[in-house]
C-alpha atoms as a PDB file:
ATOM      1  CA  MET A   1     165.007  29.417  65.595  1.00  0.00           C
ATOM      2  CA  THR A   2     162.810  32.511  65.980  1.00  0.00           C
ATOM      3  CA  THR A   3     161.027  32.817  69.314  1.00  0.00           C
ATOM      4  CA  PRO A   4     157.283  32.828  68.591  1.00  0.00           C
ATOM      5  CA  ARG A   5     155.192  35.856  69.428  1.00  0.00           C
ATOM      6  CA  LEU A   6     151.519  35.446  70.292  1.00  0.00           C
ATOM      7  CA  ILE A   7     148.991  38.084  69.188  1.00  0.00           C
ATOM      8  CA  VAL A   8     145.591  37.622  70.831  1.00  0.00           C
ATOM      9  CA  PHE A   9     142.552  39.552  69.637  1.00  0.00           C
ATOM     10  CA  ASP A  10     139.269  40.282  71.325  1.00  0.00           C
ATOM     11  CA  CYS A  11     136.284  39.757  69.004  1.00  0.00           C
ATOM     12  CA  ASP A  12     133.328  42.114  69.617  1.00  0.00           C
ATOM     13  CA  GLY A  13     134.422  45.700  69.123  1.00  0.00           C
ATOM     14  CA  THR A  14     137.893  44.673  67.959  1.00  0.00           C
ATOM     15  CA  LEU A  15     137.494  42.327  64.978  1.00  0.00           C
ATOM     16  CA  VAL A  16     133.785  42.851  64.302  1.00  0.00           C
ATOM     17  CA  ASP A  17     131.339  45.696  64.885  1.00  0.00           C
ATOM     18  CA  SER A  18     128.573  43.930  66.826  1.00  0.00           C
ATOM     19  CA  GLY A  19     127.610  46.552  69.390  1.00  0.00           C
ATOM     20  CA  HIS A  20     124.300  47.364  67.708  1.00  0.00           C
ATOM     21  CA  ILE A  21     123.286  43.695  67.844  1.00  0.00           C
ATOM     22  CA  ILE A  22     124.231  43.344  71.501  1.00  0.00           C
ATOM     23  CA  VAL A  23     122.371  46.514  72.473  1.00  0.00           C
ATOM     24  CA  SER A  24     119.216  45.583  70.553  1.00  0.00           C
ATOM     25  CA  THR A  25     119.278  42.048  71.985  1.00  0.00           C
ATOM     26  CA  LEU A  26     119.733  43.293  75.549  1.00  0.00           C
ATOM     27  CA  SER A  27     116.860  45.715  74.987  1.00  0.00           C
ATOM     28  CA  ALA A  28     114.630  42.872  73.794  1.00  0.00           C
ATOM     29  CA  ALA A  29     115.608  40.816  76.869  1.00  0.00           C
ATOM     30  CA  TRP A  30     114.499  43.666  79.142  1.00  0.00           C
ATOM     31  CA  ARG A  31     111.236  44.245  77.262  1.00  0.00           C
ATOM     32  CA  ALA A  32     110.368  40.556  77.483  1.00  0.00           C
ATOM     33  CA  GLU A  33     110.126  41.111  81.244  1.00  0.00           C
ATOM     34  CA  GLY A  34     108.071  44.278  80.847  1.00  0.00           C
ATOM     35  CA  MET A  35     111.048  46.422  81.839  1.00  0.00           C
ATOM     36  CA  GLU A  36     112.420  49.602  80.301  1.00  0.00           C
ATOM     37  CA  PRO A  37     115.865  48.845  78.784  1.00  0.00           C
ATOM     38  CA  PRO A  38     118.968  50.603  80.153  1.00  0.00           C
ATOM     39  CA  ASP A  39     120.617  53.460  78.307  1.00  0.00           C
ATOM     40  CA  PRO A  40     122.359  52.163  75.145  1.00  0.00           C
ATOM     41  CA  ASP A  41     125.672  53.773  76.126  1.00  0.00           C
ATOM     42  CA  LEU A  42     125.604  51.918  79.451  1.00  0.00           C
ATOM     43  CA  MET A  43     124.914  48.671  77.624  1.00  0.00           C
ATOM     44  CA  ARG A  44     127.798  49.206  75.212  1.00  0.00           C
ATOM     45  CA  HIS A  45     130.146  49.855  78.136  1.00  0.00           C
ATOM     46  CA  GLN A  46     129.423  46.355  79.489  1.00  0.00           C
ATOM     47  CA  ILE A  47     130.373  44.548  76.275  1.00  0.00           C
ATOM     48  CA  GLY A  48     133.176  42.107  76.966  1.00  0.00           C
ATOM     49  CA  LEU A  49     132.056  41.017  80.423  1.00  0.00           C
ATOM     50  CA  PRO A  50     130.369  37.656  81.076  1.00  0.00           C
ATOM     51  CA  LEU A  51     126.680  37.995  80.218  1.00  0.00           C
ATOM     52  CA  VAL A  52     125.189  37.596  83.705  1.00  0.00           C
ATOM     53  CA  GLU A  53     127.785  39.960  85.189  1.00  0.00           C
ATOM     54  CA  ALA A  54     127.033  42.585  82.540  1.00  0.00           C
ATOM     55  CA  ILE A  55     123.309  42.251  83.213  1.00  0.00           C
ATOM     56  CA  ALA A  56     123.877  42.523  86.967  1.00  0.00           C
ATOM     57  CA  ASN A  57     125.780  45.775  86.408  1.00  0.00           C
ATOM     58  CA  LEU A  58     122.892  47.103  84.319  1.00  0.00           C
ATOM     59  CA  ALA A  59     120.235  46.017  86.826  1.00  0.00           C
ATOM     60  CA  PRO A  60     122.023  46.263  90.193  1.00  0.00           C
ATOM     61  CA  HIS A  61     118.833  46.266  92.254  1.00  0.00           C
ATOM     62  CA  ALA A  62     117.394  43.137  90.669  1.00  0.00           C
ATOM     63  CA  GLY A  63     117.991  39.743  92.223  1.00  0.00           C
ATOM     64  CA  ARG A  64     120.077  36.886  90.872  1.00  0.00           C
ATOM     65  CA  ALA A  65     116.990  35.075  89.580  1.00  0.00           C
ATOM     66  CA  LEU A  66     116.015  38.038  87.405  1.00  0.00           C
ATOM     67  CA  HIS A  67     119.592  38.479  86.188  1.00  0.00           C
ATOM     68  CA  GLU A  68     119.618  34.862  85.025  1.00  0.00           C
ATOM     69  CA  LYS A  69     116.167  35.204  83.430  1.00  0.00           C
ATOM     70  CA  LEU A  70     117.340  38.257  81.486  1.00  0.00           C
ATOM     71  CA  ALA A  71     120.394  36.283  80.371  1.00  0.00           C
ATOM     72  CA  GLU A  72     118.173  33.454  79.124  1.00  0.00           C
ATOM     73  CA  ASN A  73     116.010  35.982  77.283  1.00  0.00           C
ATOM     74  CA  TYR A  74     119.141  37.437  75.704  1.00  0.00           C
ATOM     75  CA  LYS A  75     120.383  34.047  74.514  1.00  0.00           C
ATOM     76  CA  SER A  76     116.993  33.128  73.084  1.00  0.00           C
ATOM     77  CA  VAL A  77     116.628  36.389  71.173  1.00  0.00           C
ATOM     78  CA  PHE A  78     120.230  36.287  69.958  1.00  0.00           C
ATOM     79  CA  VAL A  79     120.081  32.716  68.665  1.00  0.00           C
ATOM     80  CA  GLY A  80     116.739  33.377  67.016  1.00  0.00           C
ATOM     81  CA  GLY A  81     118.116  36.380  65.184  1.00  0.00           C
ATOM     82  CA  ARG A  82     121.205  34.503  64.058  1.00  0.00           C
ATOM     83  CA  GLU A  83     119.147  31.617  62.703  1.00  0.00           C
ATOM     84  CA  VAL A  84     117.137  33.912  60.428  1.00  0.00           C
ATOM     85  CA  GLY A  85     120.223  35.817  59.275  1.00  0.00           C
ATOM     86  CA  ALA A  86     119.288  39.036  61.053  1.00  0.00           C
ATOM     87  CA  HIS A  87     122.766  39.673  62.486  1.00  0.00           C
ATOM     88  CA  GLU A  88     125.220  41.852  60.612  1.00  0.00           C
ATOM     89  CA  GLU A  89     128.641  41.894  62.297  1.00  0.00           C
ATOM     90  CA  PRO A  90     130.935  43.538  59.737  1.00  0.00           C
ATOM     91  CA  LEU A  91     134.681  43.255  60.074  1.00  0.00           C
ATOM     92  CA  TYR A  92     136.366  46.543  60.797  1.00  0.00           C
ATOM     93  CA  GLU A  93     138.210  48.196  57.937  1.00  0.00           C
ATOM     94  CA  ASP A  94     141.477  46.431  56.976  1.00  0.00           C
ATOM     95  CA  CYS A  95     140.868  43.657  59.535  1.00  0.00           C
ATOM     96  CA  ALA A  96     140.915  40.748  57.062  1.00  0.00           C
ATOM     97  CA  THR A  97     144.000  42.064  55.252  1.00  0.00           C
ATOM     98  CA  ILE A  98     146.002  42.661  58.428  1.00  0.00           C
ATOM     99  CA  LEU A  99     145.067  39.292  59.941  1.00  0.00           C
ATOM    100  CA  ALA A 100     146.217  37.520  56.774  1.00  0.00           C
ATOM    101  CA  SER A 101     149.464  39.493  56.749  1.00  0.00           C
ATOM    102  CA  LEU A 102     150.253  38.771  60.401  1.00  0.00           C
ATOM    103  CA  ALA A 103     149.353  35.097  60.072  1.00  0.00           C
ATOM    104  CA  SER A 104     151.714  34.744  57.111  1.00  0.00           C
ATOM    105  CA  GLU A 105     154.718  35.693  59.263  1.00  0.00           C
ATOM    106  CA  GLU A 106     156.450  32.633  60.695  1.00  0.00           C
ATOM    107  CA  ARG A 107     157.302  34.360  63.988  1.00  0.00           C
ATOM    108  CA  TYR A 108     153.659  35.174  64.797  1.00  0.00           C
ATOM    109  CA  LEU A 109     150.916  33.025  66.257  1.00  0.00           C
ATOM    110  CA  LEU A 110     147.404  34.471  66.346  1.00  0.00           C
ATOM    111  CA  GLY A 111     144.644  33.802  68.851  1.00  0.00           C
ATOM    112  CA  VAL A 112     141.267  35.036  70.077  1.00  0.00           C
ATOM    113  CA  ALA A 113     140.158  35.580  73.682  1.00  0.00           C
ATOM    114  CA  THR A 114     136.536  36.659  73.836  1.00  0.00           C
ATOM    115  CA  GLY A 115     133.466  36.881  76.016  1.00  0.00           C
ATOM    116  CA  LYS A 116     131.487  35.193  73.240  1.00  0.00           C
ATOM    117  CA  GLY A 117     130.589  31.547  73.590  1.00  0.00           C
ATOM    118  CA  ARG A 118     132.446  29.050  71.406  1.00  0.00           C
ATOM    119  CA  ARG A 119     129.435  28.546  69.155  1.00  0.00           C
ATOM    120  CA  GLY A 120     128.995  32.267  68.584  1.00  0.00           C
ATOM    121  CA  LEU A 121     132.696  32.827  67.925  1.00  0.00           C
ATOM    122  CA  GLY A 122     132.775  29.931  65.490  1.00  0.00           C
ATOM    123  CA  HIS A 123     129.831  31.393  63.603  1.00  0.00           C
ATOM    124  CA  THR A 124     131.519  34.802  63.347  1.00  0.00           C
ATOM    125  CA  LEU A 125     134.894  33.457  62.231  1.00  0.00           C
ATOM    126  CA  THR A 126     133.342  31.095  59.679  1.00  0.00           C
ATOM    127  CA  ARG A 127     131.059  33.750  58.247  1.00  0.00           C
ATOM    128  CA  HIS A 128     134.015  36.048  57.583  1.00  0.00           C
ATOM    129  CA  GLY A 129     136.392  33.280  56.496  1.00  0.00           C
ATOM    130  CA  ILE A 130     139.098  34.202  59.006  1.00  0.00           C
ATOM    131  CA  GLY A 131     139.084  31.254  61.409  1.00  0.00           C
ATOM    132  CA  HIS A 132     142.079  29.557  59.769  1.00  0.00           C
ATOM    133  CA  HIS A 133     144.359  32.409  60.861  1.00  0.00           C
ATOM    134  CA  PHE A 134     144.076  31.527  64.563  1.00  0.00           C
ATOM    135  CA  ALA A 135     146.157  28.942  66.411  1.00  0.00           C
ATOM    136  CA  VAL A 136     144.139  29.170  69.637  1.00  0.00           C
ATOM    137  CA  LEU A 137     140.581  30.221  70.523  1.00  0.00           C
ATOM    138  CA  LYS A 138     139.458  30.955  74.077  1.00  0.00           C
ATOM    139  CA  THR A 139     135.824  31.804  74.848  1.00  0.00           C
ATOM    140  CA  ALA A 140     133.328  32.216  77.660  1.00  0.00           C
ATOM    141  CA  ASP A 141     133.050  28.409  77.671  1.00  0.00           C
ATOM    142  CA  ASP A 142     136.717  27.968  78.583  1.00  0.00           C
ATOM    143  CA  GLY A 143     136.994  29.720  81.937  1.00  0.00           C
ATOM    144  CA  PRO A 144     136.144  32.799  83.989  1.00  0.00           C
ATOM    145  CA  GLY A 145     135.307  35.908  82.001  1.00  0.00           C
ATOM    146  CA  LYS A 146     137.405  39.018  81.557  1.00  0.00           C
ATOM    147  CA  PRO A 147     139.136  40.717  83.272  1.00  0.00           C
ATOM    148  CA  ASN A 148     140.117  37.421  84.935  1.00  0.00           C
ATOM    149  CA  PRO A 149     143.351  36.430  83.137  1.00  0.00           C
ATOM    150  CA  ASP A 150     142.800  32.668  83.088  1.00  0.00           C
ATOM    151  CA  ILE A 151     141.770  32.269  79.430  1.00  0.00           C
ATOM    152  CA  LEU A 152     144.732  34.350  78.253  1.00  0.00           C
ATOM    153  CA  ILE A 153     147.123  32.401  80.486  1.00  0.00           C
ATOM    154  CA  ASP A 154     145.641  29.164  79.127  1.00  0.00           C
ATOM    155  CA  ALA A 155     146.200  30.377  75.556  1.00  0.00           C
ATOM    156  CA  MET A 156     149.847  31.161  76.287  1.00  0.00           C
ATOM    157  CA  ASP A 157     150.368  27.817  78.027  1.00  0.00           C
ATOM    158  CA  GLU A 158     148.706  25.896  75.198  1.00  0.00           C
ATOM    159  CA  LEU A 159     151.098  27.375  72.645  1.00  0.00           C
ATOM    160  CA  GLY A 160     154.149  27.547  74.912  1.00  0.00           C
ATOM    161  CA  VAL A 161     154.547  31.319  74.627  1.00  0.00           C
ATOM    162  CA  LYS A 162     155.789  33.493  77.486  1.00  0.00           C
ATOM    163  CA  PRO A 163     153.738  36.492  78.722  1.00  0.00           C
ATOM    164  CA  TRP A 164     156.360  39.014  77.580  1.00  0.00           C
ATOM    165  CA  HIS A 165     156.116  37.519  74.085  1.00  0.00           C
ATOM    166  CA  THR A 166     152.335  37.988  74.079  1.00  0.00           C
ATOM    167  CA  VAL A 167     150.192  40.981  73.143  1.00  0.00           C
ATOM    168  CA  MET A 168     146.468  41.260  73.837  1.00  0.00           C
ATOM    169  CA  ILE A 169     144.594  43.565  71.464  1.00  0.00           C
ATOM    170  CA  GLY A 170     141.168  44.798  72.510  1.00  0.00           C
ATOM    171  CA  ASP A 171     138.738  47.670  72.757  1.00  0.00           C
ATOM    172  CA  THR A 172     137.787  47.520  76.445  1.00  0.00           C
ATOM    173  CA  VAL A 173     139.422  47.979  79.815  1.00  0.00           C
ATOM    174  CA  PHE A 174     138.453  44.343  80.476  1.00  0.00           C
ATOM    175  CA  ASP A 175     140.815  43.233  77.685  1.00  0.00           C
ATOM    176  CA  VAL A 176     143.612  45.482  78.868  1.00  0.00           C
ATOM    177  CA  THR A 177     143.235  44.510  82.521  1.00  0.00           C
ATOM    178  CA  MET A 178     143.245  40.824  81.594  1.00  0.00           C
ATOM    179  CA  ALA A 179     146.523  41.316  79.732  1.00  0.00           C
ATOM    180  CA  VAL A 180     148.124  43.239  82.604  1.00  0.00           C
ATOM    181  CA  ARG A 181     147.097  40.561  85.118  1.00  0.00           C
ATOM    182  CA  ALA A 182     148.509  37.852  82.849  1.00  0.00           C
ATOM    183  CA  GLY A 183     151.839  39.680  82.521  1.00  0.00           C
ATOM    184  CA  ALA A 184     151.310  40.315  78.791  1.00  0.00           C
ATOM    185  CA  HIS A 185     151.456  43.526  76.758  1.00  0.00           C
ATOM    186  CA  ALA A 186     148.220  45.286  75.782  1.00  0.00           C
ATOM    187  CA  ILE A 187     147.294  47.323  72.721  1.00  0.00           C
ATOM    188  CA  GLY A 188     143.995  49.174  72.882  1.00  0.00           C
ATOM    189  CA  VAL A 189     141.896  50.014  69.829  1.00  0.00           C
ATOM    190  CA  SER A 190     139.892  53.210  69.483  1.00  0.00           C
ATOM    191  CA  TRP A 191     137.068  51.890  67.289  1.00  0.00           C
ATOM    192  CA  GLY A 192     135.306  49.791  69.931  1.00  0.00           C
ATOM    193  CA  TYR A 193     133.278  50.471  73.067  1.00  0.00           C
ATOM    194  CA  HIS A 194     135.628  52.086  75.612  1.00  0.00           C
ATOM    195  CA  PRO A 195     137.403  55.426  75.041  1.00  0.00           C
ATOM    196  CA  PRO A 196     141.185  55.530  74.510  1.00  0.00           C
ATOM    197  CA  ALA A 197     141.810  57.411  77.767  1.00  0.00           C
ATOM    198  CA  GLU A 198     140.253  54.557  79.752  1.00  0.00           C
ATOM    199  CA  LEU A 199     142.331  51.993  77.859  1.00  0.00           C
ATOM    200  CA  ARG A 200     145.562  53.847  78.579  1.00  0.00           C
ATOM    201  CA  LYS A 201     144.636  54.279  82.234  1.00  0.00           C
ATOM    202  CA  ALA A 202     144.013  50.519  82.488  1.00  0.00           C
ATOM    203  CA  GLY A 203     147.519  49.804  81.195  1.00  0.00           C
ATOM    204  CA  ALA A 204     147.474  49.747  77.395  1.00  0.00           C
ATOM    205  CA  ARG A 205     150.954  50.424  76.031  1.00  0.00           C
ATOM    206  CA  VAL A 206     149.444  52.211  73.024  1.00  0.00           C
ATOM    207  CA  VAL A 207     146.037  52.699  71.398  1.00  0.00           C
ATOM    208  CA  ALA A 208     145.604  52.045  67.672  1.00  0.00           C
ATOM    209  CA  GLU A 209     143.441  54.481  65.721  1.00  0.00           C
ATOM    210  CA  ARG A 210     143.201  52.192  62.669  1.00  0.00           C
ATOM    211  CA  PHE A 211     143.602  48.448  62.155  1.00  0.00           C
ATOM    212  CA  ALA A 212     146.405  49.101  59.689  1.00  0.00           C
ATOM    213  CA  GLU A 213     148.522  50.548  62.519  1.00  0.00           C
ATOM    214  CA  ILE A 214     148.677  47.270  64.422  1.00  0.00           C
ATOM    215  CA  PRO A 215     151.697  45.633  62.688  1.00  0.00           C
ATOM    216  CA  GLY A 216     153.846  48.697  63.320  1.00  0.00           C
ATOM    217  CA  LEU A 217     152.728  48.954  66.946  1.00  0.00           C
ATOM    218  CA  LEU A 218     153.603  45.290  67.493  1.00  0.00           C
ATOM    219  CA  GLN A 219     157.091  45.856  66.135  1.00  0.00           C
ATOM    220  CA  THR A 220     157.525  48.882  68.405  1.00  0.00           C
ATOM    221  CA  ILE A 221     156.492  46.934  71.516  1.00  0.00           C
ATOM    222  CA  TRP A 222     158.756  43.996  70.822  1.00  0.00           C
ATOM    223  CA  SER A 223     161.679  46.140  69.695  1.00  0.00           C
ATOM    224  CA  ASP A 224     161.886  47.400  73.288  1.00  0.00           C
ATOM    225  CA  GLU A 225     162.791  43.926  74.570  1.00  0.00           C
END
């Protein structure tokens, strides 16, 4: 019997290009309080962290009450936009094809570990018709946010897969650090919100330049075992 391998993907910045939505929604949350929004590049660099933590990093001199109010503003604006169909989160090139190919291999199990809430992740996966590829989904509703490793450890435990048989694929140092802390491998991707040099420094074994490179990189990582 083939030992299963678990491939866990981040969502925002890895499967779908949603940075523009996150930045515009954060900006609206700030403006609702009469505040000038942070620099867009700073906002993009926070993508992947739990919402209140990201906001606290962007407004370090504000108090907890304001951080939570900004988070509520964000959620309200985001849900409102989604309900009227204003959100465009396109899949990255070759994403759907590669996910289908990986999921068709008996030795592979696919999962998602994301800072999105379960409702938001479900909406994204359903909209793109890719949810059926994943054996496990872990979200902001399931435990501490990245880079805490708990949701990745829970995913491995749920499917009975060892850390050295697991690869986390993501675009931020939060994804890579989570993988390292969980004892799993990490593949960075260059098309998201943190630069490749930061991903490598955080512990990524390799950084993919295109989605189509991922199957070959997986084989390379596991061929070393």
